[in-house]
Amino acid sequence: MHKLFAEYVDKILTLWSADERAPLDGFDRVPFIGHLPEDMPPNLQVLVLGLNPSFSVESLKRSWDVVRKTCSPIGEATVLELLSWPLPENQGKRDAAKLAIETLDRYSRKNHAIFYRPIERLMNAAGLESDKWLHMDLFPIRETSQRRLEAELKFPKRHERERFATLPQNAAYRKARTMHPALRSTLDETLQLICALKPPIVVVLNSFASKLLEYCLDLRLQPNGHRYRSDATDGTCWILSSQLSGGATSLYGMERLLADLRDAVRGNRGLVGGAATEAERAAEAEAIADAETDWDKFTSDETQASTRS
């Protein structure tokens, strides 16, 4: 698993070095990886996906003020200079810059509570220890305006797909694959990593990312709950939702999300092709019996956080 992620990082950095890059500000910044290969859980149970990392200059400045003292001599650079692409050509300076960026991103991830804390609470409420799940983004592009990124990620909406399906294959391909080649290549690398990791459960916490993956992976809704499967990731249970922070997901949406996640974690993934075993049904009954206490705490924390914000 460590090797897979290390290879993914190398491929992303190679994509960023290519001549043909997408017309987005995010491609003139160092991609956000967020994890080192050794951070990968040895027994990954749940992979949590977002669309892309934000680029909040003020927040990054505060984080850089804390960690820059440990990154001499790179610490003399401003955070915008540090994150500007490309990396230095000199190997020594390049390695120092990569180490400083890794330190900054790790610190930012740990302290960006408004985004990551709701995810941690969800995972805890589902009974997952921190070494059983991992969060990453489909696109490691540092861009705060999700609308700008969405505008470049063109793909057929549900009502258009039947019409595209009636066209000759090459014509349908041209119409369906209209996103910039650099974005398509980045998405392909991320999807290949997910397929190689073979996580038992993937939770997508972004409505646009959910729609994009539903199309790209031909995700099909299963009869048991709001869970999906794909032939590309056979055996993986996909749960699609919206972002938890910022009020994007309602209280009832979070309730359904937790119920589906707990059910899947307990072994009842509801994928067509395998009936629930007696052990899975027993686990489901146990989950229903004790879910109320965990959910009360989870929703109480989220309601209080929303009130304070």
Protein backbone atom coordinates (compact mmCIF):
# COMPACT_ATOMS: atom_id res chain seq x y z
CA MET A 1 0.00 0.00 0.00
CA HIS A 2 2.86 2.38 0.80
CA LYS A 3 4.41 1.67 -2.61
CA LEU A 4 1.12 2.35 -4.39
CA PHE A 5 0.78 5.76 -2.79
CA ALA A 6 4.44 6.66 -3.42
CA GLU A 7 3.96 5.82 -7.11
CA TYR A 8 0.79 7.93 -7.19
CA VAL A 9 2.67 10.95 -5.76
CA ASP A 10 5.40 10.58 -8.39
CA LYS A 11 2.80 10.42 -11.18
CA ILE A 12 1.01 13.54 -9.91
CA LEU A 13 4.27 15.50 -9.76
CA THR A 14 5.05 14.34 -13.31
CA LEU A 15 1.64 15.56 -14.50
CA TRP A 16 2.30 18.96 -12.93
CA SER A 17 5.57 19.14 -14.87
CA ALA A 18 3.90 18.49 -18.23
CA ASP A 19 3.73 21.27 -20.79
CA GLU A 20 -0.02 20.97 -21.31
CA ARG A 21 -1.66 21.95 -18.03
CA ALA A 22 -5.21 23.02 -17.27
CA PRO A 23 -6.06 26.76 -17.35
CA LEU A 24 -6.54 26.89 -13.58
CA ASP A 25 -4.64 28.84 -10.94
CA GLY A 26 -4.26 25.61 -8.98
CA PHE A 27 -1.81 24.20 -11.52
CA ASP A 28 0.70 26.95 -10.75
CA ARG A 29 0.77 25.79 -7.12
CA VAL A 30 2.41 22.68 -5.72
CA PRO A 31 -0.22 19.89 -5.63
CA PHE A 32 -1.63 19.03 -2.23
CA ILE A 33 -0.80 15.44 -1.35
CA GLY A 34 -1.53 15.69 2.36
CA HIS A 35 -0.05 12.31 3.25
CA LEU A 36 3.31 10.60 3.05
CA PRO A 37 3.36 6.98 1.91
CA GLU A 38 4.09 5.89 5.48
CA ASP A 39 0.86 7.60 6.62
CA MET A 40 -1.23 5.04 4.75
CA PRO A 41 -3.18 2.77 7.12
CA PRO A 42 -1.91 -0.82 6.85
CA ASN A 43 -5.49 -2.13 7.00
CA LEU A 44 -7.53 0.54 5.22
CA GLN A 45 -11.23 -0.04 5.80
CA VAL A 46 -12.80 3.27 4.71
CA LEU A 47 -11.49 5.74 2.15
CA VAL A 48 -13.09 9.21 2.43
CA LEU A 49 -13.05 11.31 -0.74
CA GLY A 50 -13.43 15.03 -1.30
CA LEU A 51 -13.19 17.01 -4.55
CA ASN A 52 -10.09 19.17 -4.00
CA PRO A 53 -8.27 21.02 -1.20
CA SER A 54 -9.01 24.69 -0.59
CA PHE A 55 -6.38 27.41 -0.90
CA SER A 56 -6.89 29.83 1.99
CA VAL A 57 -3.89 32.16 1.99
CA GLU A 58 -4.56 33.57 5.46
CA SER A 59 -4.97 30.13 7.00
CA LEU A 60 -1.80 28.90 5.29
CA LYS A 61 0.11 31.96 6.50
CA ARG A 62 -0.88 31.20 10.09
CA SER A 63 0.19 27.59 9.72
CA TRP A 64 3.46 28.58 8.02
CA ASP A 65 4.29 31.00 10.84
CA VAL A 66 4.18 28.01 13.20
CA VAL A 67 6.12 25.42 11.19
CA ARG A 68 8.61 27.60 9.26
CA LYS A 69 11.07 27.60 12.18
CA THR A 70 11.63 23.88 11.59
CA CYS A 71 12.23 24.34 7.84
CA SER A 72 15.47 26.36 7.59
CA PRO A 73 16.57 27.71 5.13
CA ILE A 74 13.29 27.32 3.22
CA GLY A 75 11.58 28.90 6.22
CA GLU A 76 12.79 32.28 4.98
CA ALA A 77 10.38 32.06 2.03
CA THR A 78 6.78 33.29 2.20
CA VAL A 79 4.06 30.68 2.01
CA LEU A 80 3.11 31.80 -1.52
CA GLU A 81 6.74 31.48 -2.63
CA LEU A 82 6.96 28.05 -1.03
CA LEU A 83 3.85 26.74 -2.80
CA SER A 84 4.61 28.23 -6.22
CA TRP A 85 5.13 25.69 -8.98
CA PRO A 86 7.56 24.51 -10.22
CA LEU A 87 9.74 23.26 -7.41
CA PRO A 88 13.42 24.40 -7.43
CA GLU A 89 15.60 22.66 -10.01
CA ASN A 90 18.51 22.28 -7.59
CA GLN A 91 18.06 18.86 -5.98
CA GLY A 92 19.05 20.03 -2.50
CA LYS A 93 16.66 22.98 -2.57
CA ARG A 94 13.98 20.80 -4.16
CA ASP A 95 14.20 18.20 -1.38
CA ALA A 96 14.13 20.95 1.27
CA ALA A 97 11.08 22.55 -0.34
CA LYS A 98 9.23 19.21 -0.52
CA LEU A 99 9.96 18.53 3.15
CA ALA A 100 8.74 22.02 4.13
CA ILE A 101 5.53 21.60 2.10
CA GLU A 102 4.89 18.16 3.60
CA THR A 103 5.36 19.64 7.09
CA LEU A 104 3.04 22.54 6.29
CA ASP A 105 0.34 20.32 4.80
CA ARG A 106 0.45 17.88 7.70
CA TYR A 107 0.12 20.73 10.20
CA SER A 108 -2.68 22.37 8.20
CA ARG A 109 -4.61 19.09 7.94
CA LYS A 110 -4.31 18.51 11.69
CA ASN A 111 -5.43 22.04 12.57
CA HIS A 112 -8.09 22.73 9.91
CA ALA A 113 -10.79 21.66 12.36
CA ILE A 114 -13.76 23.26 10.59
CA PHE A 115 -13.38 20.79 7.72
CA TYR A 116 -11.75 17.68 9.21
CA ARG A 117 -13.38 17.55 12.66
CA PRO A 118 -16.87 16.60 11.32
CA ILE A 119 -15.26 13.79 9.32
CA GLU A 120 -13.43 12.52 12.40
CA ARG A 121 -16.68 12.61 14.39
CA LEU A 122 -18.49 10.67 11.68
CA MET A 123 -15.79 8.00 11.57
CA ASN A 124 -15.71 7.74 15.38
CA ALA A 125 -19.51 7.43 15.54
CA ALA A 126 -19.29 4.59 13.00
CA GLY A 127 -16.83 2.78 15.27
CA LEU A 128 -13.69 3.41 13.20
CA GLU A 129 -10.30 4.01 14.78
CA SER A 130 -8.00 6.58 13.17
CA ASP A 131 -5.82 3.83 11.64
CA LYS A 132 -8.78 2.36 9.73
CA TRP A 133 -9.70 5.29 7.51
CA LEU A 134 -8.04 7.90 5.30
CA HIS A 135 -9.17 11.12 3.62
CA MET A 136 -7.92 12.26 0.23
CA ASP A 137 -9.15 14.40 -2.67
CA LEU A 138 -9.91 13.39 -6.25
CA PHE A 139 -7.92 16.39 -7.48
CA PRO A 140 -4.88 17.60 -5.47
CA ILE A 141 -5.44 21.10 -6.91
CA ARG A 142 -5.22 23.92 -4.38
CA GLU A 143 -8.24 25.99 -5.39
CA THR A 144 -10.77 27.51 -2.99
CA SER A 145 -13.39 28.30 -5.63
CA GLN A 146 -14.99 24.93 -6.29
CA ARG A 147 -17.16 26.51 -8.98
CA ARG A 148 -14.07 27.33 -11.04
CA LEU A 149 -12.94 23.73 -10.86
CA GLU A 150 -16.43 22.40 -11.59
CA ALA A 151 -16.62 24.57 -14.71
CA GLU A 152 -13.63 22.69 -16.12
CA LEU A 153 -14.96 19.23 -15.20
CA LYS A 154 -17.58 18.77 -17.86
CA PHE A 155 -19.42 15.47 -18.12
CA PRO A 156 -22.95 14.41 -19.18
CA LYS A 157 -25.71 14.89 -16.64
CA ARG A 158 -28.16 12.06 -16.00
CA HIS A 159 -30.79 13.25 -18.48
CA GLU A 160 -28.13 13.52 -21.23
CA ARG A 161 -26.56 10.08 -20.87
CA GLU A 162 -29.24 8.12 -22.71
CA ARG A 163 -28.86 10.43 -25.71
CA PHE A 164 -25.07 9.99 -25.70
CA ALA A 165 -25.50 6.21 -25.49
CA THR A 166 -27.32 6.21 -28.87
CA LEU A 167 -24.40 7.91 -30.66
CA PRO A 168 -21.51 6.05 -32.31
CA GLN A 169 -18.88 5.20 -29.69
CA ASN A 170 -16.28 7.70 -30.90
CA ALA A 171 -18.83 10.53 -31.04
CA ALA A 172 -20.14 9.71 -27.56
CA TYR A 173 -16.59 9.64 -26.25
CA ARG A 174 -15.82 13.09 -27.65
CA LYS A 175 -18.96 14.58 -26.19
CA ALA A 176 -18.60 12.88 -22.81
CA ARG A 177 -14.90 13.49 -22.25
CA THR A 178 -14.73 17.25 -22.65
CA MET A 179 -12.69 18.08 -19.55
CA HIS A 180 -9.16 19.37 -20.03
CA PRO A 181 -6.62 16.56 -20.68
CA ALA A 182 -4.59 17.51 -17.60
CA LEU A 183 -7.67 17.22 -15.40
CA ARG A 184 -8.66 13.93 -17.05
CA SER A 185 -5.14 12.55 -16.46
CA THR A 186 -5.19 13.66 -12.83
CA LEU A 187 -8.57 12.05 -12.24
CA ASP A 188 -7.44 8.85 -13.99
CA GLU A 189 -4.40 8.56 -11.71
CA THR A 190 -6.54 9.02 -8.61
CA LEU A 191 -9.10 6.45 -9.79
CA GLN A 192 -6.33 3.98 -10.60
CA LEU A 193 -4.98 4.42 -7.06
CA ILE A 194 -8.43 3.79 -5.58
CA CYS A 195 -8.88 0.65 -7.69
CA ALA A 196 -5.43 -0.59 -6.63
CA LEU A 197 -6.06 0.11 -2.93
CA LYS A 198 -9.34 -1.87 -3.06
CA PRO A 199 -10.89 -0.23 0.02
CA PRO A 200 -13.92 -2.16 1.32
CA ILE A 201 -15.84 1.12 1.70
CA VAL A 202 -15.54 4.51 -0.02
CA VAL A 203 -17.44 7.51 1.37
CA VAL A 204 -17.65 10.52 -0.97
CA LEU A 205 -18.30 13.72 0.97
CA ASN A 206 -18.93 16.16 -1.85
CA SER A 207 -22.06 16.33 -4.01
CA PHE A 208 -20.22 17.27 -7.23
CA ALA A 209 -17.57 14.60 -6.68
CA SER A 210 -20.38 12.10 -6.07
CA LYS A 211 -22.01 12.95 -9.41
CA LEU A 212 -18.67 12.84 -11.21
CA LEU A 213 -17.79 9.42 -9.81
CA GLU A 214 -21.28 8.08 -10.47
CA TYR A 215 -20.68 8.87 -14.13
CA CYS A 216 -16.99 7.91 -14.46
CA LEU A 217 -17.29 4.60 -12.61
CA ASP A 218 -20.86 3.80 -13.67
CA LEU A 219 -21.90 3.53 -10.03
CA ARG A 220 -25.18 1.69 -9.63
CA LEU A 221 -27.57 2.12 -6.73
CA GLN A 222 -28.07 -1.07 -4.73
CA PRO A 223 -31.39 -2.20 -3.22
CA ASN A 224 -30.05 -2.10 0.36
CA GLY A 225 -29.86 1.54 1.54
CA HIS A 226 -28.15 4.37 -0.33
CA ARG A 227 -25.13 2.32 -1.37
CA TYR A 228 -23.56 1.92 -4.79
CA ARG A 229 -21.24 -0.50 -6.55
CA SER A 230 -19.09 -0.44 -9.69
CA ASP A 231 -17.58 -3.18 -11.82
CA ALA A 232 -14.35 -1.14 -11.81
CA THR A 233 -14.06 -1.56 -8.04
CA ASP A 234 -15.73 -4.90 -7.55
CA GLY A 235 -16.50 -5.59 -3.90
CA THR A 236 -16.20 -1.95 -2.81
CA CYS A 237 -19.25 -0.34 -1.23
CA TRP A 238 -19.67 3.30 -2.31
CA ILE A 239 -21.62 5.77 -0.16
CA LEU A 240 -22.33 9.14 -1.80
CA SER A 241 -23.05 12.29 0.19
CA SER A 242 -22.42 16.02 0.46
CA GLN A 243 -19.77 17.91 2.38
CA LEU A 244 -20.30 17.74 6.14
CA SER A 245 -18.97 21.18 7.02
CA GLY A 246 -20.68 24.46 6.17
CA GLY A 247 -24.22 23.11 6.48
CA ALA A 248 -24.07 21.33 3.08
CA THR A 249 -25.56 18.18 4.64
CA SER A 250 -28.79 18.42 6.64
CA LEU A 251 -29.27 16.79 10.02
CA TYR A 252 -31.40 14.07 8.42
CA GLY A 253 -28.83 13.60 5.67
CA MET A 254 -26.13 13.06 8.29
CA GLU A 255 -28.44 10.63 10.08
CA ARG A 256 -28.86 8.54 6.93
CA LEU A 257 -25.14 8.78 6.17
CA LEU A 258 -24.13 7.49 9.58
CA ALA A 259 -26.71 4.70 9.46
CA ASP A 260 -25.44 3.52 6.06
CA LEU A 261 -21.79 3.81 7.10
CA ARG A 262 -22.29 1.94 10.37
CA ASP A 263 -24.18 -0.77 8.53
CA ALA A 264 -21.42 -1.14 5.95
CA VAL A 265 -18.66 -1.11 8.58
CA ARG A 266 -20.48 -3.90 10.43
CA GLY A 267 -20.28 -6.02 7.29
CA ASN A 268 -23.68 -5.52 5.66
CA ARG A 269 -22.60 -3.62 2.55
CA GLY A 270 -25.73 -4.47 0.61
CA LEU A 271 -24.03 -5.22 -2.70
CA VAL A 272 -25.92 -7.36 -5.21
CA GLY A 273 -24.21 -10.69 -5.65
CA GLY A 274 -23.86 -11.66 -2.01
CA ALA A 275 -26.71 -12.22 0.43
CA ALA A 276 -26.21 -11.10 4.01
CA THR A 277 -24.87 -13.86 6.22
CA GLU A 278 -26.24 -14.72 9.65
CA ALA A 279 -23.25 -12.95 11.19
CA GLU A 280 -23.95 -9.83 9.12
CA ARG A 281 -27.60 -9.81 10.17
CA ALA A 282 -26.55 -10.17 13.81
CA ALA A 283 -24.08 -7.31 13.40
CA GLU A 284 -26.81 -5.19 11.84
CA ALA A 285 -29.14 -5.87 14.78
CA GLU A 286 -26.36 -4.93 17.18
CA ALA A 287 -25.69 -1.73 15.25
CA ILE A 288 -29.36 -0.75 15.41
CA ALA A 289 -29.45 -1.46 19.15
CA ASP A 290 -26.61 0.87 20.08
CA ALA A 291 -26.71 3.45 17.24
CA GLU A 292 -28.98 5.85 19.12
CA THR A 293 -26.43 6.79 21.78
CA ASP A 294 -23.64 7.39 19.26
CA TRP A 295 -25.92 9.35 16.95
CA ASP A 296 -27.26 11.59 19.72
CA LYS A 297 -23.71 12.59 20.59
CA PHE A 298 -22.71 13.10 16.95
CA THR A 299 -25.71 15.28 16.01
CA SER A 300 -25.49 17.21 19.29
CA ASP A 301 -21.85 18.11 18.56
CA GLU A 302 -22.67 19.14 14.99
CA THR A 303 -25.65 21.25 16.06
CA GLN A 304 -23.57 23.06 18.68
CA ALA A 305 -20.78 23.65 16.15
CA SER A 306 -23.27 25.10 13.62
CA THR A 307 -24.75 27.38 16.29
CA ARG A 308 -21.33 28.71 17.27
CA SER A 309 -20.37 29.40 13.66
